[in-house]
Amino acid sequence: MAENGMAVDEDLSLVRRICAGERQLFHQLVSRHERYLYRAALAMTRNPADAEDVVQETLLRAYQHLEQFRGEARFASWLTQIALNTARMKLRKDHASQWESLDEPVETEDGQVTRDVVEWRENPEEQLGRQEMEDVLHQALQGLPRGYREVIVLRDVQLLSTQETAEILGLSVANVKTRLLRARLQLRERLSRTFQKGPVE
């Protein structure tokens, strides 16, 4: 818990320094959160390419609106809320024409900023050992209603608190607990059916 508290304090300190003009620190601020954002985006979009787009767009929006972060919630929660909204919009739009090229620089008040982001994915050796289980889990998540899937992603993938999840989704704590219980039961049932069938040849 102490380590988490230190990370929260460091996030807030970096945000203040960036807003004061040290823009080069933005990469340091978001680097620890990129892998978790990718996992959440993948669980929401169910497509690796779309998940990458969501993370890139989330980081871009966070950079552009960093002054709006007041420290009332954790920076990770603030980022997750942006990612969730971005994923929702991504799912509603035809991604054949709605997204800007990631190769082009972005115009900001401080000039042009490239969209380069550190690689958050595991290397092939690490990924290979987890891929089969992740495929099963993502397939099971895919079958959940969106409201249940969002709660699972925020609580069990992002490891946010019930209160933080409620604030991000605009729900009461009681509603989050109810959805989470039902979502976990449905997910358990889907996983049980999958494992009973055995591996697909």
N, C-alpha and C. Protein backbone atom coordinates (compact mmCIF):
# COMPACT_ATOMS: atom_id res chain seq x y z
N MET A 1 0.83 -1.20 0.00
CA MET A 1 0.00 0.00 0.00
C MET A 1 0.87 1.25 0.00
N ALA A 2 1.98 1.22 0.74
CA ALA A 2 2.87 2.38 0.79
C ALA A 2 3.43 2.67 -0.59
N GLU A 3 3.76 1.59 -1.33
CA GLU A 3 4.30 1.77 -2.67
C GLU A 3 3.27 2.43 -3.58
N ASN A 4 1.99 2.02 -3.47
CA ASN A 4 0.94 2.64 -4.26
C ASN A 4 0.79 4.11 -3.91
N GLY A 5 0.86 4.42 -2.62
CA GLY A 5 0.77 5.81 -2.21
C GLY A 5 1.90 6.65 -2.77
N MET A 6 3.10 6.10 -2.79
CA MET A 6 4.24 6.82 -3.35
C MET A 6 4.02 7.08 -4.84
N ALA A 7 3.46 6.07 -5.55
CA ALA A 7 3.21 6.23 -6.98
C ALA A 7 2.19 7.32 -7.23
N VAL A 8 1.15 7.38 -6.40
CA VAL A 8 0.12 8.42 -6.53
C VAL A 8 0.73 9.80 -6.30
N ASP A 9 1.55 9.92 -5.27
CA ASP A 9 2.20 11.19 -4.97
C ASP A 9 3.13 11.60 -6.12
N GLU A 10 3.85 10.62 -6.68
CA GLU A 10 4.76 10.92 -7.78
C GLU A 10 3.98 11.37 -9.01
N ASP A 11 2.84 10.72 -9.28
CA ASP A 11 2.00 11.12 -10.41
C ASP A 11 1.58 12.58 -10.26
N LEU A 12 1.08 12.93 -9.10
CA LEU A 12 0.60 14.29 -8.87
C LEU A 12 1.73 15.30 -9.00
N SER A 13 2.89 14.94 -8.48
CA SER A 13 4.04 15.83 -8.58
C SER A 13 4.44 16.05 -10.04
N LEU A 14 4.44 14.96 -10.82
CA LEU A 14 4.79 15.08 -12.24
C LEU A 14 3.76 15.91 -13.00
N VAL A 15 2.49 15.71 -12.69
CA VAL A 15 1.44 16.49 -13.34
C VAL A 15 1.68 17.98 -13.11
N ARG A 16 1.97 18.34 -11.88
CA ARG A 16 2.19 19.75 -11.55
C ARG A 16 3.41 20.31 -12.28
N ARG A 17 4.46 19.52 -12.36
CA ARG A 17 5.66 19.98 -13.06
C ARG A 17 5.42 20.13 -14.55
N ILE A 18 4.68 19.18 -15.13
CA ILE A 18 4.37 19.26 -16.56
C ILE A 18 3.52 20.48 -16.86
N CYS A 19 2.50 20.70 -16.04
CA CYS A 19 1.63 21.86 -16.23
C CYS A 19 2.39 23.17 -16.04
N ALA A 20 3.46 23.12 -15.27
CA ALA A 20 4.28 24.31 -15.04
C ALA A 20 5.27 24.54 -16.18
N GLY A 21 5.33 23.61 -17.14
CA GLY A 21 6.19 23.83 -18.30
C GLY A 21 7.15 22.72 -18.65
N GLU A 22 7.32 21.73 -17.76
CA GLU A 22 8.27 20.64 -18.04
C GLU A 22 7.58 19.54 -18.84
N ARG A 23 7.19 19.85 -20.07
CA ARG A 23 6.40 18.95 -20.90
C ARG A 23 7.13 17.65 -21.22
N GLN A 24 8.44 17.66 -21.18
CA GLN A 24 9.20 16.46 -21.51
C GLN A 24 8.99 15.34 -20.49
N LEU A 25 8.39 15.66 -19.35
CA LEU A 25 8.17 14.65 -18.30
C LEU A 25 6.90 13.84 -18.54
N PHE A 26 6.13 14.17 -19.58
CA PHE A 26 4.87 13.47 -19.80
C PHE A 26 5.09 11.97 -20.02
N HIS A 27 6.11 11.62 -20.78
CA HIS A 27 6.39 10.20 -21.02
C HIS A 27 6.64 9.47 -19.70
N GLN A 28 7.40 10.09 -18.82
CA GLN A 28 7.67 9.48 -17.51
C GLN A 28 6.37 9.30 -16.72
N LEU A 29 5.47 10.26 -16.83
CA LEU A 29 4.21 10.21 -16.11
C LEU A 29 3.35 9.04 -16.55
N VAL A 30 3.25 8.82 -17.86
CA VAL A 30 2.29 7.82 -18.36
C VAL A 30 2.90 6.44 -18.57
N SER A 31 4.22 6.32 -18.53
CA SER A 31 4.86 5.05 -18.90
C SER A 31 4.42 3.89 -18.02
N ARG A 32 4.19 4.13 -16.73
CA ARG A 32 3.82 3.04 -15.83
C ARG A 32 2.37 2.60 -16.03
N HIS A 33 1.58 3.43 -16.74
CA HIS A 33 0.17 3.13 -16.89
C HIS A 33 -0.18 2.53 -18.26
N GLU A 34 0.72 2.56 -19.22
CA GLU A 34 0.39 2.18 -20.59
C GLU A 34 -0.02 0.72 -20.74
N ARG A 35 0.67 -0.18 -20.06
CA ARG A 35 0.33 -1.60 -20.20
C ARG A 35 -1.07 -1.89 -19.66
N TYR A 36 -1.40 -1.28 -18.53
CA TYR A 36 -2.73 -1.50 -17.96
C TYR A 36 -3.82 -0.88 -18.82
N LEU A 37 -3.54 0.28 -19.41
CA LEU A 37 -4.50 0.89 -20.31
C LEU A 37 -4.73 0.00 -21.53
N TYR A 38 -3.65 -0.59 -22.03
CA TYR A 38 -3.79 -1.48 -23.19
C TYR A 38 -4.66 -2.69 -22.85
N ARG A 39 -4.43 -3.28 -21.70
CA ARG A 39 -5.24 -4.44 -21.31
C ARG A 39 -6.71 -4.07 -21.18
N ALA A 40 -6.97 -2.91 -20.58
CA ALA A 40 -8.35 -2.46 -20.43
C ALA A 40 -8.97 -2.18 -21.79
N ALA A 41 -8.23 -1.52 -22.66
CA ALA A 41 -8.74 -1.21 -23.99
C ALA A 41 -8.99 -2.47 -24.79
N LEU A 42 -8.11 -3.45 -24.65
CA LEU A 42 -8.30 -4.71 -25.36
C LEU A 42 -9.54 -5.45 -24.87
N ALA A 43 -9.75 -5.42 -23.57
CA ALA A 43 -10.94 -6.06 -23.03
C ALA A 43 -12.22 -5.38 -23.51
N MET A 44 -12.15 -4.07 -23.73
CA MET A 44 -13.32 -3.32 -24.18
C MET A 44 -13.54 -3.47 -25.69
N THR A 45 -12.49 -3.32 -26.47
CA THR A 45 -12.65 -3.31 -27.93
C THR A 45 -12.59 -4.70 -28.55
N ARG A 46 -11.91 -5.63 -27.85
CA ARG A 46 -11.75 -7.01 -28.30
C ARG A 46 -10.96 -7.10 -29.60
N ASN A 47 -10.13 -6.10 -29.86
CA ASN A 47 -9.33 -6.07 -31.09
C ASN A 47 -8.01 -5.38 -30.79
N PRO A 48 -6.88 -6.06 -30.99
CA PRO A 48 -5.58 -5.46 -30.64
C PRO A 48 -5.31 -4.13 -31.32
N ALA A 49 -5.62 -4.04 -32.62
CA ALA A 49 -5.37 -2.79 -33.35
C ALA A 49 -6.23 -1.66 -32.78
N ASP A 50 -7.49 -1.95 -32.52
CA ASP A 50 -8.38 -0.93 -31.93
C ASP A 50 -7.91 -0.55 -30.54
N ALA A 51 -7.44 -1.53 -29.77
CA ALA A 51 -6.95 -1.25 -28.42
C ALA A 51 -5.74 -0.32 -28.47
N GLU A 52 -4.85 -0.54 -29.41
CA GLU A 52 -3.69 0.33 -29.56
C GLU A 52 -4.13 1.75 -29.91
N ASP A 53 -5.12 1.86 -30.80
CA ASP A 53 -5.65 3.18 -31.16
C ASP A 53 -6.23 3.88 -29.94
N VAL A 54 -6.95 3.12 -29.12
CA VAL A 54 -7.57 3.70 -27.93
C VAL A 54 -6.50 4.22 -26.98
N VAL A 55 -5.44 3.46 -26.78
CA VAL A 55 -4.37 3.90 -25.88
C VAL A 55 -3.70 5.15 -26.42
N GLN A 56 -3.39 5.16 -27.71
CA GLN A 56 -2.75 6.33 -28.30
C GLN A 56 -3.64 7.56 -28.15
N GLU A 57 -4.93 7.42 -28.46
CA GLU A 57 -5.85 8.54 -28.36
C GLU A 57 -6.03 8.98 -26.91
N THR A 58 -6.04 8.03 -26.00
CA THR A 58 -6.15 8.35 -24.58
C THR A 58 -4.97 9.19 -24.10
N LEU A 59 -3.77 8.78 -24.47
CA LEU A 59 -2.58 9.52 -24.05
C LEU A 59 -2.54 10.91 -24.69
N LEU A 60 -2.97 10.99 -25.94
CA LEU A 60 -3.01 12.29 -26.60
C LEU A 60 -3.99 13.23 -25.90
N ARG A 61 -5.18 12.72 -25.58
CA ARG A 61 -6.17 13.54 -24.89
C ARG A 61 -5.70 13.92 -23.48
N ALA A 62 -5.04 12.98 -22.81
CA ALA A 62 -4.51 13.29 -21.48
C ALA A 62 -3.49 14.41 -21.56
N TYR A 63 -2.64 14.37 -22.57
CA TYR A 63 -1.63 15.42 -22.74
C TYR A 63 -2.30 16.77 -23.00
N GLN A 64 -3.31 16.76 -23.86
CA GLN A 64 -3.96 18.01 -24.24
C GLN A 64 -4.77 18.63 -23.10
N HIS A 65 -5.27 17.78 -22.18
CA HIS A 65 -6.16 18.27 -21.14
C HIS A 65 -5.59 18.05 -19.73
N LEU A 66 -4.28 17.95 -19.64
CA LEU A 66 -3.65 17.62 -18.36
C LEU A 66 -3.96 18.66 -17.29
N GLU A 67 -4.14 19.91 -17.71
CA GLU A 67 -4.43 20.97 -16.73
C GLU A 67 -5.76 20.72 -16.02
N GLN A 68 -6.62 19.89 -16.61
CA GLN A 68 -7.92 19.62 -16.00
C GLN A 68 -7.84 18.61 -14.86
N PHE A 69 -6.70 17.92 -14.75
CA PHE A 69 -6.53 16.96 -13.66
C PHE A 69 -6.24 17.72 -12.37
N ARG A 70 -7.13 17.58 -11.39
CA ARG A 70 -7.03 18.34 -10.15
C ARG A 70 -6.48 17.53 -8.98
N GLY A 71 -6.24 16.26 -9.18
CA GLY A 71 -5.73 15.45 -8.08
C GLY A 71 -6.79 14.97 -7.12
N GLU A 72 -8.08 15.18 -7.47
CA GLU A 72 -9.15 14.72 -6.59
C GLU A 72 -9.32 13.20 -6.65
N ALA A 73 -8.91 12.60 -7.76
CA ALA A 73 -8.88 11.14 -7.92
C ALA A 73 -7.46 10.75 -8.31
N ARG A 74 -7.20 9.45 -8.30
CA ARG A 74 -5.88 8.99 -8.74
C ARG A 74 -5.70 9.30 -10.22
N PHE A 75 -4.46 9.57 -10.63
CA PHE A 75 -4.18 9.82 -12.04
C PHE A 75 -4.56 8.60 -12.87
N ALA A 76 -4.33 7.40 -12.34
CA ALA A 76 -4.69 6.18 -13.06
C ALA A 76 -6.19 6.11 -13.31
N SER A 77 -6.99 6.55 -12.35
CA SER A 77 -8.44 6.56 -12.52
C SER A 77 -8.86 7.58 -13.58
N TRP A 78 -8.21 8.73 -13.56
CA TRP A 78 -8.49 9.77 -14.56
C TRP A 78 -8.17 9.27 -15.96
N LEU A 79 -7.01 8.63 -16.12
CA LEU A 79 -6.62 8.06 -17.41
C LEU A 79 -7.62 6.98 -17.85
N THR A 80 -8.01 6.15 -16.91
CA THR A 80 -8.93 5.06 -17.24
C THR A 80 -10.27 5.60 -17.72
N GLN A 81 -10.73 6.67 -17.10
CA GLN A 81 -12.00 7.27 -17.54
C GLN A 81 -11.89 7.78 -18.97
N ILE A 82 -10.77 8.40 -19.31
CA ILE A 82 -10.56 8.85 -20.69
C ILE A 82 -10.54 7.66 -21.63
N ALA A 83 -9.83 6.59 -21.23
CA ALA A 83 -9.74 5.39 -22.06
C ALA A 83 -11.11 4.75 -22.27
N LEU A 84 -11.91 4.71 -21.22
CA LEU A 84 -13.24 4.11 -21.32
C LEU A 84 -14.11 4.91 -22.29
N ASN A 85 -14.09 6.23 -22.16
CA ASN A 85 -14.87 7.06 -23.08
C ASN A 85 -14.37 6.94 -24.51
N THR A 86 -13.06 6.86 -24.67
CA THR A 86 -12.48 6.71 -26.00
C THR A 86 -12.87 5.38 -26.62
N ALA A 87 -12.83 4.31 -25.82
CA ALA A 87 -13.22 2.99 -26.32
C ALA A 87 -14.69 2.97 -26.71
N ARG A 88 -15.53 3.62 -25.93
CA ARG A 88 -16.96 3.67 -26.26
C ARG A 88 -17.18 4.36 -27.60
N MET A 89 -16.48 5.48 -27.81
CA MET A 89 -16.61 6.19 -29.08
C MET A 89 -16.07 5.36 -30.23
N LYS A 90 -14.97 4.66 -29.96
CA LYS A 90 -14.36 3.82 -30.99
C LYS A 90 -15.33 2.73 -31.44
N LEU A 91 -16.03 2.16 -30.49
CA LEU A 91 -16.97 1.09 -30.81
C LEU A 91 -18.18 1.62 -31.57
N ARG A 92 -18.49 2.89 -31.42
CA ARG A 92 -19.66 3.45 -32.08
C ARG A 92 -19.34 3.94 -33.49
N LYS A 93 -18.10 4.15 -33.79
CA LYS A 93 -17.74 4.77 -35.06
C LYS A 93 -17.23 3.74 -36.08
N ASP A 94 -17.31 4.12 -37.31
CA ASP A 94 -16.72 3.32 -38.38
C ASP A 94 -15.24 3.66 -38.44
N HIS A 95 -14.37 2.74 -37.97
CA HIS A 95 -12.95 3.09 -37.88
C HIS A 95 -12.25 3.08 -39.23
N ALA A 96 -13.00 2.99 -40.30
CA ALA A 96 -12.38 3.12 -41.62
C ALA A 96 -12.04 4.57 -41.93
N SER A 97 -12.78 5.53 -41.29
CA SER A 97 -12.55 6.92 -41.67
C SER A 97 -12.51 7.89 -40.50
N GLN A 98 -12.63 7.40 -39.27
CA GLN A 98 -12.81 8.32 -38.16
C GLN A 98 -11.52 8.69 -37.43
N TRP A 99 -10.42 7.98 -37.71
CA TRP A 99 -9.23 8.21 -36.89
C TRP A 99 -8.10 8.84 -37.69
N GLU A 100 -7.40 9.77 -37.07
CA GLU A 100 -6.28 10.44 -37.70
C GLU A 100 -5.07 9.51 -37.77
N SER A 101 -4.17 9.81 -38.68
CA SER A 101 -2.96 9.01 -38.81
C SER A 101 -2.09 9.21 -37.57
N LEU A 102 -1.59 8.09 -37.04
CA LEU A 102 -0.71 8.17 -35.87
C LEU A 102 0.70 8.61 -36.26
N ASP A 103 0.97 8.66 -37.57
CA ASP A 103 2.30 9.07 -38.03
C ASP A 103 2.45 10.58 -38.10
N GLU A 104 1.33 11.31 -38.10
CA GLU A 104 1.38 12.75 -38.21
C GLU A 104 1.54 13.40 -36.83
N PRO A 105 2.32 14.50 -36.74
CA PRO A 105 2.46 15.19 -35.46
C PRO A 105 1.16 15.88 -35.06
N VAL A 106 1.04 16.18 -33.78
CA VAL A 106 -0.15 16.82 -33.24
C VAL A 106 0.18 18.26 -32.92
N GLU A 107 -0.70 19.18 -33.32
CA GLU A 107 -0.51 20.58 -33.02
C GLU A 107 -1.01 20.88 -31.60
N THR A 108 -0.15 21.44 -30.76
CA THR A 108 -0.54 21.87 -29.42
C THR A 108 -0.11 23.32 -29.25
N GLU A 109 -0.45 23.89 -28.12
CA GLU A 109 -0.08 25.29 -27.87
C GLU A 109 1.43 25.45 -27.75
N ASP A 110 2.13 24.34 -27.52
CA ASP A 110 3.59 24.39 -27.41
C ASP A 110 4.29 23.99 -28.70
N GLY A 111 3.52 23.85 -29.77
CA GLY A 111 4.11 23.43 -31.04
C GLY A 111 3.68 22.02 -31.39
N GLN A 112 4.43 21.39 -32.30
CA GLN A 112 4.09 20.04 -32.75
C GLN A 112 4.66 18.99 -31.79
N VAL A 113 3.84 17.98 -31.52
CA VAL A 113 4.25 16.88 -30.64
C VAL A 113 4.03 15.57 -31.39
N THR A 114 5.05 14.72 -31.42
CA THR A 114 4.89 13.43 -32.08
C THR A 114 4.04 12.52 -31.22
N ARG A 115 3.44 11.50 -31.86
CA ARG A 115 2.56 10.58 -31.16
C ARG A 115 3.32 9.33 -30.70
N ASP A 116 4.63 9.35 -30.74
CA ASP A 116 5.39 8.17 -30.34
C ASP A 116 5.13 7.83 -28.89
N VAL A 117 4.84 6.55 -28.64
CA VAL A 117 4.59 6.06 -27.29
C VAL A 117 5.40 4.80 -27.08
N VAL A 118 5.95 4.63 -25.90
CA VAL A 118 6.76 3.45 -25.62
C VAL A 118 5.94 2.17 -25.83
N GLU A 119 6.59 1.13 -26.27
CA GLU A 119 5.94 -0.16 -26.47
C GLU A 119 5.47 -0.72 -25.14
N TRP A 120 4.17 -1.04 -25.02
CA TRP A 120 3.63 -1.54 -23.75
C TRP A 120 3.40 -3.03 -23.77
N ARG A 121 3.46 -3.64 -24.95
CA ARG A 121 3.16 -5.06 -25.02
C ARG A 121 4.34 -5.91 -24.57
N GLU A 122 4.03 -7.12 -24.16
CA GLU A 122 5.08 -8.04 -23.76
C GLU A 122 5.85 -8.50 -24.99
N ASN A 123 7.12 -8.91 -24.78
CA ASN A 123 7.86 -9.43 -25.91
C ASN A 123 7.28 -10.80 -26.29
N PRO A 124 7.60 -11.32 -27.49
CA PRO A 124 6.98 -12.57 -27.96
C PRO A 124 7.14 -13.74 -27.02
N GLU A 125 8.30 -13.84 -26.35
CA GLU A 125 8.52 -14.98 -25.45
C GLU A 125 7.58 -14.91 -24.26
N GLU A 126 7.42 -13.71 -23.68
CA GLU A 126 6.52 -13.57 -22.53
C GLU A 126 5.06 -13.77 -22.95
N GLN A 127 4.74 -13.26 -24.13
CA GLN A 127 3.35 -13.30 -24.57
C GLN A 127 2.90 -14.72 -24.90
N LEU A 128 3.80 -15.53 -25.42
CA LEU A 128 3.44 -16.87 -25.87
C LEU A 128 2.87 -17.70 -24.75
N GLY A 129 3.47 -17.61 -23.54
CA GLY A 129 3.02 -18.43 -22.43
C GLY A 129 1.64 -18.07 -21.91
N ARG A 130 1.21 -16.83 -22.14
CA ARG A 130 -0.09 -16.38 -21.64
C ARG A 130 -1.17 -16.31 -22.71
N GLN A 131 -0.78 -16.46 -23.97
CA GLN A 131 -1.70 -16.16 -25.05
C GLN A 131 -2.95 -17.03 -25.02
N GLU A 132 -2.79 -18.33 -24.79
CA GLU A 132 -3.94 -19.21 -24.83
C GLU A 132 -4.96 -18.85 -23.74
N MET A 133 -4.48 -18.61 -22.51
CA MET A 133 -5.39 -18.24 -21.43
C MET A 133 -6.03 -16.89 -21.69
N GLU A 134 -5.26 -15.94 -22.22
CA GLU A 134 -5.82 -14.63 -22.51
C GLU A 134 -6.89 -14.72 -23.59
N ASP A 135 -6.66 -15.58 -24.59
CA ASP A 135 -7.66 -15.75 -25.64
C ASP A 135 -8.97 -16.27 -25.07
N VAL A 136 -8.86 -17.23 -24.16
CA VAL A 136 -10.06 -17.79 -23.54
C VAL A 136 -10.79 -16.72 -22.73
N LEU A 137 -10.02 -15.94 -21.96
CA LEU A 137 -10.62 -14.90 -21.13
C LEU A 137 -11.29 -13.82 -21.97
N HIS A 138 -10.60 -13.38 -23.03
CA HIS A 138 -11.17 -12.33 -23.87
C HIS A 138 -12.42 -12.82 -24.59
N GLN A 139 -12.42 -14.09 -24.99
CA GLN A 139 -13.60 -14.65 -25.63
C GLN A 139 -14.78 -14.66 -24.66
N ALA A 140 -14.50 -14.99 -23.41
CA ALA A 140 -15.57 -15.00 -22.40
C ALA A 140 -16.06 -13.58 -22.12
N LEU A 141 -15.13 -12.62 -22.03
CA LEU A 141 -15.50 -11.23 -21.80
C LEU A 141 -16.35 -10.69 -22.94
N GLN A 142 -16.05 -11.15 -24.14
CA GLN A 142 -16.75 -10.66 -25.31
C GLN A 142 -18.25 -10.95 -25.23
N GLY A 143 -18.60 -12.03 -24.57
CA GLY A 143 -19.99 -12.42 -24.50
C GLY A 143 -20.79 -11.69 -23.43
N LEU A 144 -20.11 -10.91 -22.60
CA LEU A 144 -20.82 -10.19 -21.54
C LEU A 144 -21.47 -8.92 -22.09
N PRO A 145 -22.60 -8.51 -21.54
CA PRO A 145 -23.16 -7.20 -21.90
C PRO A 145 -22.16 -6.10 -21.58
N ARG A 146 -22.22 -4.99 -22.32
CA ARG A 146 -21.22 -3.94 -22.17
C ARG A 146 -21.12 -3.43 -20.74
N GLY A 147 -22.25 -3.24 -20.07
CA GLY A 147 -22.22 -2.73 -18.70
C GLY A 147 -21.49 -3.66 -17.75
N TYR A 148 -21.67 -4.96 -17.92
CA TYR A 148 -20.95 -5.93 -17.09
C TYR A 148 -19.47 -5.96 -17.46
N ARG A 149 -19.19 -5.89 -18.76
CA ARG A 149 -17.80 -5.95 -19.21
C ARG A 149 -17.01 -4.76 -18.67
N GLU A 150 -17.62 -3.58 -18.67
CA GLU A 150 -16.93 -2.39 -18.17
C GLU A 150 -16.59 -2.52 -16.69
N VAL A 151 -17.52 -3.03 -15.91
CA VAL A 151 -17.27 -3.20 -14.48
C VAL A 151 -16.14 -4.20 -14.24
N ILE A 152 -16.15 -5.30 -14.96
CA ILE A 152 -15.09 -6.31 -14.83
C ILE A 152 -13.73 -5.70 -15.19
N VAL A 153 -13.70 -4.93 -16.28
CA VAL A 153 -12.44 -4.33 -16.72
C VAL A 153 -11.90 -3.37 -15.66
N LEU A 154 -12.76 -2.52 -15.13
CA LEU A 154 -12.29 -1.53 -14.17
C LEU A 154 -11.89 -2.15 -12.83
N ARG A 155 -12.68 -3.10 -12.35
CA ARG A 155 -12.40 -3.69 -11.03
C ARG A 155 -11.35 -4.80 -11.09
N ASP A 156 -11.45 -5.70 -12.07
CA ASP A 156 -10.61 -6.90 -12.06
C ASP A 156 -9.42 -6.82 -13.01
N VAL A 157 -9.46 -5.91 -13.99
CA VAL A 157 -8.31 -5.73 -14.88
C VAL A 157 -7.50 -4.52 -14.42
N GLN A 158 -8.19 -3.39 -14.24
CA GLN A 158 -7.51 -2.18 -13.79
C GLN A 158 -7.28 -2.15 -12.28
N LEU A 159 -7.99 -3.00 -11.55
CA LEU A 159 -7.87 -3.09 -10.09
C LEU A 159 -8.23 -1.78 -9.40
N LEU A 160 -9.21 -1.07 -9.96
CA LEU A 160 -9.70 0.14 -9.30
C LEU A 160 -10.61 -0.24 -8.14
N SER A 161 -10.79 0.70 -7.22
CA SER A 161 -11.68 0.45 -6.10
C SER A 161 -13.13 0.53 -6.57
N THR A 162 -14.05 0.04 -5.73
CA THR A 162 -15.46 0.12 -6.05
C THR A 162 -15.89 1.58 -6.18
N GLN A 163 -15.39 2.42 -5.29
CA GLN A 163 -15.74 3.85 -5.34
C GLN A 163 -15.24 4.49 -6.63
N GLU A 164 -14.01 4.21 -7.02
CA GLU A 164 -13.46 4.77 -8.26
C GLU A 164 -14.25 4.27 -9.48
N THR A 165 -14.60 3.00 -9.47
CA THR A 165 -15.38 2.44 -10.57
C THR A 165 -16.74 3.12 -10.67
N ALA A 166 -17.36 3.34 -9.53
CA ALA A 166 -18.66 4.01 -9.50
C ALA A 166 -18.56 5.42 -10.07
N GLU A 167 -17.52 6.14 -9.71
CA GLU A 167 -17.35 7.51 -10.20
C GLU A 167 -17.12 7.53 -11.70
N ILE A 168 -16.30 6.62 -12.21
CA ILE A 168 -16.00 6.58 -13.64
C ILE A 168 -17.24 6.24 -14.45
N LEU A 169 -18.04 5.30 -13.98
CA LEU A 169 -19.21 4.84 -14.71
C LEU A 169 -20.46 5.66 -14.41
N GLY A 170 -20.39 6.55 -13.43
CA GLY A 170 -21.56 7.33 -13.07
C GLY A 170 -22.64 6.51 -12.41
N LEU A 171 -22.23 5.51 -11.62
CA LEU A 171 -23.16 4.63 -10.92
C LEU A 171 -23.01 4.79 -9.42
N SER A 172 -23.96 4.26 -8.69
CA SER A 172 -23.81 4.20 -7.24
C SER A 172 -22.90 3.03 -6.89
N VAL A 173 -22.33 3.08 -5.71
CA VAL A 173 -21.48 1.97 -5.25
C VAL A 173 -22.29 0.67 -5.20
N ALA A 174 -23.53 0.77 -4.76
CA ALA A 174 -24.38 -0.42 -4.69
C ALA A 174 -24.61 -1.02 -6.07
N ASN A 175 -24.83 -0.18 -7.07
CA ASN A 175 -25.03 -0.68 -8.43
C ASN A 175 -23.77 -1.35 -8.97
N VAL A 176 -22.62 -0.76 -8.65
CA VAL A 176 -21.36 -1.36 -9.10
C VAL A 176 -21.20 -2.75 -8.48
N LYS A 177 -21.48 -2.87 -7.19
CA LYS A 177 -21.34 -4.17 -6.52
C LYS A 177 -22.29 -5.20 -7.12
N THR A 178 -23.50 -4.77 -7.44
CA THR A 178 -24.48 -5.69 -8.03
C THR A 178 -24.04 -6.13 -9.41
N ARG A 179 -23.62 -5.17 -10.24
CA ARG A 179 -23.15 -5.51 -11.59
C ARG A 179 -21.93 -6.41 -11.54
N LEU A 180 -21.02 -6.10 -10.62
CA LEU A 180 -19.79 -6.89 -10.53
C LEU A 180 -20.09 -8.33 -10.15
N LEU A 181 -20.99 -8.52 -9.20
CA LEU A 181 -21.37 -9.87 -8.80
C LEU A 181 -21.97 -10.63 -9.98
N ARG A 182 -22.91 -10.02 -10.67
CA ARG A 182 -23.54 -10.67 -11.81
C ARG A 182 -22.56 -10.92 -12.94
N ALA A 183 -21.66 -9.95 -13.16
CA ALA A 183 -20.67 -10.10 -14.23
C ALA A 183 -19.72 -11.25 -13.93
N ARG A 184 -19.27 -11.33 -12.68
CA ARG A 184 -18.35 -12.42 -12.32
C ARG A 184 -19.03 -13.78 -12.43
N LEU A 185 -20.30 -13.85 -12.04
CA LEU A 185 -21.03 -15.12 -12.16
C LEU A 185 -21.18 -15.52 -13.63
N GLN A 186 -21.52 -14.56 -14.48
CA GLN A 186 -21.65 -14.87 -15.90
C GLN A 186 -20.32 -15.27 -16.51
N LEU A 187 -19.26 -14.55 -16.11
CA LEU A 187 -17.93 -14.87 -16.64
C LEU A 187 -17.50 -16.25 -16.19
N ARG A 188 -17.75 -16.58 -14.92
CA ARG A 188 -17.39 -17.90 -14.40
C ARG A 188 -18.13 -19.00 -15.16
N GLU A 189 -19.41 -18.75 -15.43
CA GLU A 189 -20.20 -19.74 -16.15
C GLU A 189 -19.67 -19.95 -17.57
N ARG A 190 -19.32 -18.86 -18.24
CA ARG A 190 -18.79 -18.97 -19.60
C ARG A 190 -17.44 -19.69 -19.61
N LEU A 191 -16.58 -19.36 -18.64
CA LEU A 191 -15.28 -20.02 -18.58
C LEU A 191 -15.44 -21.51 -18.25
N SER A 192 -16.39 -21.83 -17.38
CA SER A 192 -16.62 -23.24 -17.03
C SER A 192 -17.05 -24.03 -18.25
N ARG A 193 -17.95 -23.46 -19.05
CA ARG A 193 -18.40 -24.15 -20.25
C ARG A 193 -17.26 -24.35 -21.23
N THR A 194 -16.39 -23.33 -21.33
CA THR A 194 -15.25 -23.42 -22.25
C THR A 194 -14.31 -24.53 -21.83
N PHE A 195 -13.98 -24.60 -20.53
CA PHE A 195 -13.02 -25.61 -20.07
C PHE A 195 -13.64 -27.02 -20.10
N GLN A 196 -14.93 -27.12 -19.94
CA GLN A 196 -15.58 -28.43 -20.03
C GLN A 196 -15.52 -28.99 -21.43
N LYS A 197 -15.55 -28.08 -22.41
CA LYS A 197 -15.48 -28.52 -23.82
C LYS A 197 -14.09 -29.02 -24.17
N GLY A 198 -13.08 -28.49 -23.46
CA GLY A 198 -11.72 -28.88 -23.76
C GLY A 198 -11.16 -28.06 -24.90
N PRO A 199 -9.87 -28.23 -25.19
CA PRO A 199 -9.23 -27.44 -26.24
C PRO A 199 -9.80 -27.74 -27.61
N VAL A 200 -9.86 -26.70 -28.42
CA VAL A 200 -10.34 -26.88 -29.80
C VAL A 200 -9.21 -27.36 -30.68
N GLU A 201 -9.45 -28.43 -31.41
CA GLU A 201 -8.41 -28.98 -32.28
C GLU A 201 -8.28 -28.14 -33.54
